[in-house]
PDB file of N, CA and C in Angstrom:
ATOM      1  N   MET A   1       0.998  -1.546   0.167  1.00  0.00           N
ATOM      2  CA  MET A   1      -0.240   0.197   0.176  1.00  0.00           C
ATOM      3  C   MET A   1       1.129   1.096  -0.200  1.00  0.00           C
ATOM      4  N   PRO A   2       0.616   2.246  -0.437  1.00  0.00           N
ATOM      5  CA  PRO A   2       1.145   2.553  -1.223  1.00  0.00           C
ATOM      6  C   PRO A   2       1.372   3.937   0.501  1.00  0.00           C
ATOM      7  N   GLN A   3       2.380   4.627   0.757  1.00  0.00           N
ATOM      8  CA  GLN A   3       2.540   5.476   1.890  1.00  0.00           C
ATOM      9  C   GLN A   3       1.391   6.901   2.061  1.00  0.00           C
ATOM     10  N   ASP A   4       0.848   6.152   3.124  1.00  0.00           N
ATOM     11  CA  ASP A   4      -0.396   6.925   4.079  1.00  0.00           C
ATOM     12  C   ASP A   4      -0.398   8.062   5.375  1.00  0.00           C
ATOM     13  N   ASN A   5       0.037   9.024   5.647  1.00  0.00           N
ATOM     14  CA  ASN A   5       0.304   9.007   6.823  1.00  0.00           C
ATOM     15  C   ASN A   5      -1.063  10.007   7.433  1.00  0.00           C
ATOM     16  N   HIS A   6      -2.149   9.550   6.380  1.00  0.00           N
ATOM     17  CA  HIS A   6      -4.106  10.206   6.978  1.00  0.00           C
ATOM     18  C   HIS A   6      -3.630  11.937   7.427  1.00  0.00           C
ATOM     19  N   ARG A   7      -2.988  12.263   6.689  1.00  0.00           N
ATOM     20  CA  ARG A   7      -3.048  13.588   6.934  1.00  0.00           C
ATOM     21  C   ARG A   7      -4.091  14.966   6.353  1.00  0.00           C
ATOM     22  N   TRP A   8      -5.079  14.075   5.486  1.00  0.00           N
ATOM     23  CA  TRP A   8      -5.788  14.520   5.386  1.00  0.00           C
ATOM     24  C   TRP A   8      -7.126  14.147   5.921  1.00  0.00           C
ATOM     25  N   ILE A   9      -7.107  13.029   6.871  1.00  0.00           N
ATOM     26  CA  ILE A   9      -8.240  12.699   7.835  1.00  0.00           C
ATOM     27  C   ILE A   9      -8.555  14.487   8.750  1.00  0.00           C
ATOM     28  N   THR A  10      -9.131  15.012   8.586  1.00  0.00           N
ATOM     29  CA  THR A  10      -8.828  16.061  10.029  1.00  0.00           C
ATOM     30  C   THR A  10     -10.080  16.312  10.158  1.00  0.00           C
ATOM     31  N   PRO A  11     -10.761  17.253  11.344  1.00  0.00           N
ATOM     32  CA  PRO A  11     -11.770  17.541  12.207  1.00  0.00           C
ATOM     33  C   PRO A  11     -13.354  17.890  10.327  1.00  0.00           C
ATOM     34  N   ALA A  12     -12.483  18.762   9.656  1.00  0.00           N
ATOM     35  CA  ALA A  12     -13.122  19.245   7.871  1.00  0.00           C
ATOM     36  C   ALA A  12     -13.634  18.140   7.894  1.00  0.00           C
ATOM     37  N   SER A  13     -12.262  17.479   7.161  1.00  0.00           N
ATOM     38  CA  SER A  13     -12.934  16.361   5.931  1.00  0.00           C
ATOM     39  C   SER A  13     -13.804  15.122   7.191  1.00  0.00           C
ATOM     40  N   THR A  14     -13.561  14.795   7.913  1.00  0.00           N
ATOM     41  CA  THR A  14     -14.564  14.233   8.648  1.00  0.00           C
ATOM     42  C   THR A  14     -16.211  14.681   8.685  1.00  0.00           C
ATOM     43  N   VAL A  15     -16.137  15.783   9.248  1.00  0.00           N
ATOM     44  CA  VAL A  15     -17.450  15.996   8.720  1.00  0.00           C
ATOM     45  C   VAL A  15     -17.962  16.113   7.191  1.00  0.00           C
ATOM     46  N   LEU A  16     -17.266  16.813   6.249  1.00  0.00           N
ATOM     47  CA  LEU A  16     -17.547  16.052   5.163  1.00  0.00           C
ATOM     48  C   LEU A  16     -17.840  15.132   4.911  1.00  0.00           C
ATOM     49  N   PHE A  17     -17.277  13.538   4.598  1.00  0.00           N
ATOM     50  CA  PHE A  17     -17.804  12.182   5.088  1.00  0.00           C
ATOM     51  C   PHE A  17     -19.176  12.193   5.076  1.00  0.00           C
ATOM     52  N   LYS A  18     -18.831  12.434   6.819  1.00  0.00           N
ATOM     53  CA  LYS A  18     -20.787  12.734   6.943  1.00  0.00           C
ATOM     54  C   LYS A  18     -21.322  12.679   6.514  1.00  0.00           C
ATOM     55  N   THR A  19     -21.642  14.321   5.943  1.00  0.00           N
ATOM     56  CA  THR A  19     -22.446  14.601   5.096  1.00  0.00           C
ATOM     57  C   THR A  19     -22.415  14.027   4.234  1.00  0.00           C
ATOM     58  N   ILE A  20     -21.583  13.294   2.935  1.00  0.00           N
ATOM     59  CA  ILE A  20     -22.179  12.889   1.734  1.00  0.00           C
ATOM     60  C   ILE A  20     -22.800  12.091   2.497  1.00  0.00           C
ATOM     61  N   LEU A  21     -22.342  10.902   3.475  1.00  0.00           N
ATOM     62  CA  LEU A  21     -23.687   9.938   3.507  1.00  0.00           C
ATOM     63  C   LEU A  21     -24.553  10.250   3.916  1.00  0.00           C
ATOM     64  N   LYS A  22     -24.796  11.152   4.185  1.00  0.00           N
ATOM     65  CA  LYS A  22     -26.252  11.407   4.849  1.00  0.00           C
ATOM     66  C   LYS A  22     -27.487  12.130   2.954  1.00  0.00           C
ATOM     67  N   LEU A  23     -26.164  12.109   2.180  1.00  0.00           N
ATOM     68  CA  LEU A  23     -27.663  12.113   0.888  1.00  0.00           C
ATOM     69  C   LEU A  23     -28.458  11.436   0.556  1.00  0.00           C
ATOM     70  N   GLU A  24     -29.334  11.984   0.606  1.00  0.00           N
ATOM     71  CA  GLU A  24     -30.354  10.303   0.403  1.00  0.00           C
ATOM     72  C   GLU A  24     -30.314   9.726  -1.383  1.00  0.00           C
ATOM     73  N   ASN A  25     -30.281  10.805  -2.422  1.00  0.00           N
ATOM     74  CA  ASN A  25     -30.641  10.148  -3.978  1.00  0.00           C
ATOM     75  C   ASN A  25     -29.371  11.336  -4.884  1.00  0.00           C
ATOM     76  N   LEU A  26     -29.812  10.853  -5.921  1.00  0.00           N
ATOM     77  CA  LEU A  26     -28.915  11.419  -7.031  1.00  0.00           C
ATOM     78  C   LEU A  26     -29.684  12.816  -7.302  1.00  0.00           C
ATOM     79  N   LYS A  27     -30.102  13.087  -7.168  1.00  0.00           N
ATOM     80  CA  LYS A  27     -30.457  14.659  -7.492  1.00  0.00           C
ATOM     81  C   LYS A  27     -29.472  15.184  -5.673  1.00  0.00           C
ATOM     82  N   GLN A  28     -29.808  14.826  -4.744  1.00  0.00           N
ATOM     83  CA  GLN A  28     -29.730  15.549  -3.449  1.00  0.00           C
ATOM     84  C   GLN A  28     -27.747  15.803  -3.717  1.00  0.00           C
ATOM     85  N   ALA A  29     -27.488  14.388  -4.460  1.00  0.00           N
ATOM     86  CA  ALA A  29     -26.236  14.267  -5.118  1.00  0.00           C
ATOM     87  C   ALA A  29     -25.384  15.804  -5.276  1.00  0.00           C
ATOM     88  N   GLN A  30     -25.905  15.209  -6.722  1.00  0.00           N
ATOM     89  CA  GLN A  30     -26.050  16.207  -8.042  1.00  0.00           C
ATOM     90  C   GLN A  30     -26.434  18.318  -7.154  1.00  0.00           C
ATOM     91  N   ASN A  31     -27.167  18.568  -7.211  1.00  0.00           N
ATOM     92  CA  ASN A  31     -27.125  19.556  -6.164  1.00  0.00           C
ATOM     93  C   ASN A  31     -26.381  19.807  -5.006  1.00  0.00           C
ATOM     94  N   PHE A  32     -25.826  18.702  -3.997  1.00  0.00           N
ATOM     95  CA  PHE A  32     -24.927  19.484  -3.339  1.00  0.00           C
ATOM     96  C   PHE A  32     -23.104  19.225  -3.712  1.00  0.00           C
ATOM     97  N   PHE A  33     -23.028  17.983  -4.735  1.00  0.00           N
ATOM     98  CA  PHE A  33     -21.317  18.441  -4.966  1.00  0.00           C
ATOM     99  C   PHE A  33     -21.314  19.597  -6.095  1.00  0.00           C
ATOM    100  N   ARG A  34     -22.787  20.625  -6.406  1.00  0.00           N
ATOM    101  CA  ARG A  34     -22.112  21.426  -7.026  1.00  0.00           C
ATOM    102  C   ARG A  34     -22.613  22.430  -6.600  1.00  0.00           C
ATOM    103  N   ASP A  35     -22.912  22.928  -5.475  1.00  0.00           N
ATOM    104  CA  ASP A  35     -22.697  23.775  -4.922  1.00  0.00           C
ATOM    105  C   ASP A  35     -21.492  23.781  -4.217  1.00  0.00           C
ATOM    106  N   LEU A  36     -20.703  22.509  -3.862  1.00  0.00           N
ATOM    107  CA  LEU A  36     -19.641  22.120  -3.017  1.00  0.00           C
ATOM    108  C   LEU A  36     -17.776  22.608  -4.289  1.00  0.00           C
ATOM    109  N   MET A  37     -18.349  22.087  -5.254  1.00  0.00           N
ATOM    110  CA  MET A  37     -17.329  21.690  -6.381  1.00  0.00           C
ATOM    111  C   MET A  37     -18.185  22.592  -7.764  1.00  0.00           C
ATOM    112  N   SER A  38     -16.294  23.366  -7.930  1.00  0.00           N
ATOM    113  CA  SER A  38     -16.683  23.659  -9.677  1.00  0.00           C
ATOM    114  C   SER A  38     -17.469  22.815 -10.933  1.00  0.00           C
ATOM    115  N   GLU A  39     -17.411  22.806 -11.845  1.00  0.00           N
ATOM    116  CA  GLU A  39     -17.929  22.179 -12.646  1.00  0.00           C
ATOM    117  C   GLU A  39     -16.485  21.216 -13.350  1.00  0.00           C
ATOM    118  N   LYS A  40     -15.742  21.850 -13.471  1.00  0.00           N
ATOM    119  CA  LYS A  40     -14.290  21.827 -13.657  1.00  0.00           C
ATOM    120  C   LYS A  40     -14.086  20.427 -12.771  1.00  0.00           C
ATOM    121  N   GLU A  41     -13.848  21.299 -11.419  1.00  0.00           N
ATOM    122  CA  GLU A  41     -13.369  19.771 -10.315  1.00  0.00           C
ATOM    123  C   GLU A  41     -14.214  18.514 -10.573  1.00  0.00           C
ATOM    124  N   ILE A  42     -15.602  18.809 -10.591  1.00  0.00           N
ATOM    125  CA  ILE A  42     -16.582  17.531 -10.792  1.00  0.00           C
ATOM    126  C   ILE A  42     -16.051  16.971 -12.256  1.00  0.00           C
ATOM    127  N   ARG A  43     -15.940  17.153 -13.151  1.00  0.00           N
ATOM    128  CA  ARG A  43     -15.366  16.724 -14.140  1.00  0.00           C
ATOM    129  C   ARG A  43     -14.531  16.011 -14.153  1.00  0.00           C
ATOM    130  N   GLU A  44     -13.260  16.428 -13.756  1.00  0.00           N
ATOM    131  CA  GLU A  44     -12.063  15.786 -12.879  1.00  0.00           C
ATOM    132  C   GLU A  44     -12.610  14.567 -12.119  1.00  0.00           C
ATOM    133  N   LEU A  45     -13.079  14.949 -10.813  1.00  0.00           N
ATOM    134  CA  LEU A  45     -13.715  13.618  -9.865  1.00  0.00           C
ATOM    135  C   LEU A  45     -13.932  12.015 -11.155  1.00  0.00           C
ATOM    136  N   SER A  46     -15.286  12.901 -11.868  1.00  0.00           N
ATOM    137  CA  SER A  46     -15.775  11.948 -12.413  1.00  0.00           C
ATOM    138  C   SER A  46     -14.780  11.814 -13.662  1.00  0.00           C
ATOM    139  N   ASN A  47     -14.043  12.313 -14.317  1.00  0.00           N
ATOM    140  CA  ASN A  47     -12.988  11.265 -15.033  1.00  0.00           C
ATOM    141  C   ASN A  47     -11.811   9.826 -14.307  1.00  0.00           C
ATOM    142  N   ARG A  48     -11.079  10.701 -13.274  1.00  0.00           N
ATOM    143  CA  ARG A  48     -10.633   9.556 -12.038  1.00  0.00           C
ATOM    144  C   ARG A  48     -11.692   8.568 -12.749  1.00  0.00           C
ATOM    145  N   TRP A  49     -12.806   8.985 -11.644  1.00  0.00           N
ATOM    146  CA  TRP A  49     -13.623   6.790 -11.633  1.00  0.00           C
ATOM    147  C   TRP A  49     -14.033   6.664 -12.229  1.00  0.00           C
ATOM    148  N   LYS A  50     -14.113   7.009 -13.755  1.00  0.00           N
ATOM    149  CA  LYS A  50     -14.448   6.406 -15.233  1.00  0.00           C
ATOM    150  C   LYS A  50     -12.586   6.091 -15.192  1.00  0.00           C
ATOM    151  N   THR A  51     -11.836   6.414 -14.933  1.00  0.00           N
ATOM    152  CA  THR A  51     -10.610   6.108 -15.386  1.00  0.00           C
ATOM    153  C   THR A  51     -10.097   4.478 -14.783  1.00  0.00           C
ATOM    154  N   ALA A  52     -10.934   4.602 -13.559  1.00  0.00           N
ATOM    155  CA  ALA A  52     -10.275   3.370 -12.381  1.00  0.00           C
ATOM    156  C   ALA A  52     -12.175   2.481 -12.597  1.00  0.00           C
ATOM    157  N   GLN A  53     -12.326   2.882 -13.191  1.00  0.00           N
ATOM    158  CA  GLN A  53     -13.698   1.254 -14.090  1.00  0.00           C
ATOM    159  C   GLN A  53     -13.242   0.844 -15.020  1.00  0.00           C
ATOM    160  N   MET A  54     -12.365   2.059 -16.355  1.00  0.00           N
ATOM    161  CA  MET A  54     -11.804   1.325 -17.578  1.00  0.00           C
ATOM    162  C   MET A  54     -11.256   0.664 -16.807  1.00  0.00           C
ATOM    163  N   LEU A  55      -9.870   1.315 -15.768  1.00  0.00           N
ATOM    164  CA  LEU A  55      -8.888   0.198 -16.176  1.00  0.00           C
ATOM    165  C   LEU A  55      -9.173  -0.914 -15.813  1.00  0.00           C
ATOM    166  N   GLU A  56     -10.176  -1.586 -14.446  1.00  0.00           N
ATOM    167  CA  GLU A  56     -10.584  -2.288 -14.288  1.00  0.00           C
ATOM    168  C   GLU A  56     -11.615  -4.009 -14.808  1.00  0.00           C
ATOM    169  N   LYS A  57     -11.340  -2.847 -16.638  1.00  0.00           N
ATOM    170  CA  LYS A  57     -11.734  -3.382 -17.811  1.00  0.00           C
ATOM    171  C   LYS A  57     -10.781  -3.745 -18.290  1.00  0.00           C
ATOM    172  N   GLY A  58      -9.807  -3.338 -18.192  1.00  0.00           N
ATOM    173  CA  GLY A  58      -8.157  -4.070 -18.876  1.00  0.00           C
ATOM    174  C   GLY A  58      -8.223  -3.140 -19.734  1.00  0.00           C
ATOM    175  N   ILE A  59      -9.098  -1.508 -19.856  1.00  0.00           N
ATOM    176  CA  ILE A  59      -8.582  -0.854 -20.884  1.00  0.00           C
ATOM    177  C   ILE A  59      -6.918   0.031 -21.028  1.00  0.00           C
ATOM    178  N   SER A  60      -6.731  -0.362 -22.121  1.00  0.00           N
ATOM    179  CA  SER A  60      -5.475   0.281 -22.369  1.00  0.00           C
ATOM    180  C   SER A  60      -5.220   2.207 -21.840  1.00  0.00           C
ATOM    181  N   PHE A  61      -3.805   2.107 -21.158  1.00  0.00           N
ATOM    182  CA  PHE A  61      -3.827   3.280 -20.753  1.00  0.00           C
ATOM    183  C   PHE A  61      -3.821   3.876 -22.150  1.00  0.00           C
ATOM    184  N   SER A  62      -3.817   4.129 -23.374  1.00  0.00           N
ATOM    185  CA  SER A  62      -3.798   5.038 -24.391  1.00  0.00           C
ATOM    186  C   SER A  62      -5.305   5.277 -24.972  1.00  0.00           C
ATOM    187  N   VAL A  63      -5.903   3.911 -25.046  1.00  0.00           N
ATOM    188  CA  VAL A  63      -7.393   4.738 -25.024  1.00  0.00           C
ATOM    189  C   VAL A  63      -7.939   5.447 -23.640  1.00  0.00           C
ATOM    190  N   ILE A  64      -8.076   5.233 -23.018  1.00  0.00           N
ATOM    191  CA  ILE A  64      -8.123   5.627 -21.563  1.00  0.00           C
ATOM    192  C   ILE A  64      -7.858   7.353 -22.001  1.00  0.00           C
ATOM    193  N   GLU A  65      -6.529   7.504 -21.970  1.00  0.00           N
ATOM    194  CA  GLU A  65      -6.527   9.494 -22.090  1.00  0.00           C
ATOM    195  C   GLU A  65      -6.678   9.437 -22.917  1.00  0.00           C
ATOM    196  N   LYS A  66      -7.488   9.475 -24.282  1.00  0.00           N
ATOM    197  CA  LYS A  66      -8.566   9.727 -25.027  1.00  0.00           C
ATOM    198  C   LYS A  66      -9.298   9.768 -25.037  1.00  0.00           C
ATOM    199  N   GLN A  67     -10.191   8.783 -23.981  1.00  0.00           N
ATOM    200  CA  GLN A  67     -11.404   9.344 -23.693  1.00  0.00           C
ATOM    201  C   GLN A  67     -12.043  10.429 -22.516  1.00  0.00           C
ATOM    202  N   THR A  68     -10.721  10.418 -21.583  1.00  0.00           N
ATOM    203  CA  THR A  68     -11.388  11.270 -20.550  1.00  0.00           C
ATOM    204  C   THR A  68     -10.180  12.304 -20.159  1.00  0.00           C
ATOM    205  N   GLY A  69      -8.934  12.122 -20.891  1.00  0.00           N
ATOM    206  CA  GLY A  69      -8.342  14.103 -21.034  1.00  0.00           C
ATOM    207  C   GLY A  69      -7.245  13.867 -19.921  1.00  0.00           C
ATOM    208  N   MET A  70      -7.017  12.461 -19.588  1.00  0.00           N
ATOM    209  CA  MET A  70      -6.418  12.658 -18.350  1.00  0.00           C
ATOM    210  C   MET A  70      -5.222  12.167 -18.183  1.00  0.00           C
ATOM    211  N   SER A  71      -4.081  12.799 -18.040  1.00  0.00           N
ATOM    212  CA  SER A  71      -2.558  12.748 -18.144  1.00  0.00           C
ATOM    213  C   SER A  71      -2.368  10.647 -17.649  1.00  0.00           C
ATOM    214  N   PRO A  72      -0.970  10.567 -18.488  1.00  0.00           N
ATOM    215  CA  PRO A  72      -0.270   9.637 -18.182  1.00  0.00           C
ATOM    216  C   PRO A  72      -0.438   8.362 -16.530  1.00  0.00           C
ATOM    217  N   ASN A  73       0.006   9.750 -16.165  1.00  0.00           N
ATOM    218  CA  ASN A  73       1.063  10.042 -15.090  1.00  0.00           C
ATOM    219  C   ASN A  73      -0.556   9.446 -14.067  1.00  0.00           C
ATOM    220  N   THR A  74      -1.398  10.241 -14.565  1.00  0.00           N
ATOM    221  CA  THR A  74      -2.913  10.321 -13.730  1.00  0.00           C
ATOM    222  C   THR A  74      -3.226   8.770 -13.578  1.00  0.00           C
ATOM    223  N   ILE A  75      -3.570   8.312 -14.912  1.00  0.00           N
ATOM    224  CA  ILE A  75      -3.732   7.116 -14.750  1.00  0.00           C
ATOM    225  C   ILE A  75      -2.777   6.118 -14.095  1.00  0.00           C
ATOM    226  N   ALA A  76      -1.656   6.324 -14.154  1.00  0.00           N
ATOM    227  CA  ALA A  76      -0.750   5.403 -13.215  1.00  0.00           C
ATOM    228  C   ALA A  76      -0.952   5.234 -11.695  1.00  0.00           C
ATOM    229  N   ARG A  77      -0.895   6.573 -11.533  1.00  0.00           N
ATOM    230  CA  ARG A  77      -1.506   6.806  -9.971  1.00  0.00           C
ATOM    231  C   ARG A  77      -2.854   6.279  -9.415  1.00  0.00           C
ATOM    232  N   ILE A  78      -3.382   6.651 -10.380  1.00  0.00           N
ATOM    233  CA  ILE A  78      -5.082   5.459 -10.654  1.00  0.00           C
ATOM    234  C   ILE A  78      -4.816   4.249 -10.105  1.00  0.00           C
ATOM    235  N   ASN A  79      -4.345   3.653 -11.150  1.00  0.00           N
ATOM    236  CA  ASN A  79      -4.122   2.287 -11.084  1.00  0.00           C
ATOM    237  C   ASN A  79      -3.156   1.795  -9.987  1.00  0.00           C
ATOM    238  N   LYS A  80      -2.138   2.757  -9.582  1.00  0.00           N
ATOM    239  CA  LYS A  80      -1.519   1.828  -8.163  1.00  0.00           C
ATOM    240  C   LYS A  80      -2.564   1.484  -7.334  1.00  0.00           C
ATOM    241  N   TRP A  81      -3.602   3.152  -7.140  1.00  0.00           N
ATOM    242  CA  TRP A  81      -3.806   3.088  -5.699  1.00  0.00           C
ATOM    243  C   TRP A  81      -5.390   2.124  -6.136  1.00  0.00           C
ATOM    244  N   ARG A  82      -5.590   1.767  -7.480  1.00  0.00           N
ATOM    245  CA  ARG A  82      -6.719   0.640  -7.092  1.00  0.00           C
ATOM    246  C   ARG A  82      -5.987  -0.643  -7.167  1.00  0.00           C
ATOM    247  N   LYS A  83      -5.096  -0.595  -7.137  1.00  0.00           N
ATOM    248  CA  LYS A  83      -4.616  -2.289  -7.346  1.00  0.00           C
ATOM    249  C   LYS A  83      -3.879  -2.040  -5.481  1.00  0.00           C
ATOM    250  N   LYS A  84      -3.479  -1.228  -5.199  1.00  0.00           N
ATOM    251  CA  LYS A  84      -2.405  -1.113  -3.828  1.00  0.00           C
ATOM    252  C   LYS A  84      -2.643   0.338  -2.876  1.00  0.00           C
ATOM    253  N   GLY A  85      -4.208   0.386  -2.779  1.00  0.00           N
ATOM    254  CA  GLY A  85      -4.004   2.017  -2.233  1.00  0.00           C
ATOM    255  C   GLY A  85      -4.509   1.344  -0.961  1.00  0.00           C
ATOM    256  N   MET A  86      -6.401   1.955  -0.485  1.00  0.00           N
ATOM    257  CA  MET A  86      -7.029   2.445   0.840  1.00  0.00           C
ATOM    258  C   MET A  86      -7.856   0.821   0.841  1.00  0.00           C
ATOM    259  N   GLY A  87      -7.816   0.960  -0.037  1.00  0.00           N
ATOM    260  CA  GLY A  87      -8.776  -0.574  -0.675  1.00  0.00           C
ATOM    261  C   GLY A  87     -10.591   0.434  -1.108  1.00  0.00           C
ATOM    262  N   GLY A  88     -10.630   1.850  -1.190  1.00  0.00           N
ATOM    263  CA  GLY A  88     -12.279   2.618  -2.095  1.00  0.00           C
ATOM    264  C   GLY A  88     -12.533   2.131  -3.038  1.00  0.00           C
ATOM    265  N   TYR A  89     -11.195   1.979  -3.566  1.00  0.00           N
ATOM    266  CA  TYR A  89     -12.002   1.847  -5.554  1.00  0.00           C
ATOM    267  C   TYR A  89     -12.795  -0.171  -5.296  1.00  0.00           C
ATOM    268  N   ARG A  90     -11.556  -0.621  -4.819  1.00  0.00           N
ATOM    269  CA  ARG A  90     -11.849  -1.981  -4.453  1.00  0.00           C
ATOM    270  C   ARG A  90     -13.071  -2.184  -4.291  1.00  0.00           C
ATOM    271  N   LEU A  91     -13.711  -1.192  -3.309  1.00  0.00           N
ATOM    272  CA  LEU A  91     -14.845  -1.365  -2.847  1.00  0.00           C
ATOM    273  C   LEU A  91     -15.536  -0.840  -3.557  1.00  0.00           C
ATOM    274  N   MET A  92     -16.195   0.050  -4.231  1.00  0.00           N
ATOM    275  CA  MET A  92     -16.398   0.464  -4.837  1.00  0.00           C
ATOM    276  C   MET A  92     -16.652  -0.206  -5.977  1.00  0.00           C
ATOM    277  N   LEU A  93     -15.273  -0.667  -7.427  1.00  0.00           N
ATOM    278  CA  LEU A  93     -15.976  -1.187  -7.862  1.00  0.00           C
ATOM    279  C   LEU A  93     -16.113  -2.455  -7.964  1.00  0.00           C
ATOM    280  N   GLY A  94     -16.813  -2.668  -7.216  1.00  0.00           N
ATOM    281  CA  GLY A  94     -17.231  -4.294  -6.826  1.00  0.00           C
ATOM    282  C   GLY A  94     -18.757  -4.248  -6.522  1.00  0.00           C
ATOM    283  N   LYS A  95     -18.785  -3.113  -6.363  1.00  0.00           N
ATOM    284  CA  LYS A  95     -20.560  -2.653  -6.211  1.00  0.00           C
ATOM    285  C   LYS A  95     -20.986  -2.583  -7.530  1.00  0.00           C
ATOM    286  N   LYS A  96     -22.266  -2.794  -8.281  1.00  0.00           N
ATOM    287  CA  LYS A  96     -22.355  -2.763  -9.699  1.00  0.00           C
ATOM    288  C   LYS A  96     -24.162  -2.460  -9.538  1.00  0.00           C
TER     289      LYS A  96
END
């Protein structure tokens, strides 16, 4: 697993994650995340998730790069965390 000192787990991030868990449906999630983030940030996160899904299907880095606009370094980083991260990608990729 990549080294992670959990510096990103703060009281503020914990409140954010607990707030996300209270969302009840797609519309609430769309409205909350649009207020929270810019359109560019939403597209970036969406493309990261799309990249993880494509990697899980065995799609090549070059195809992923063309379809998502992700850099090869970002794709490699997502792939690394998908395989050896904290298990978040694995958990959600297993939920269909």
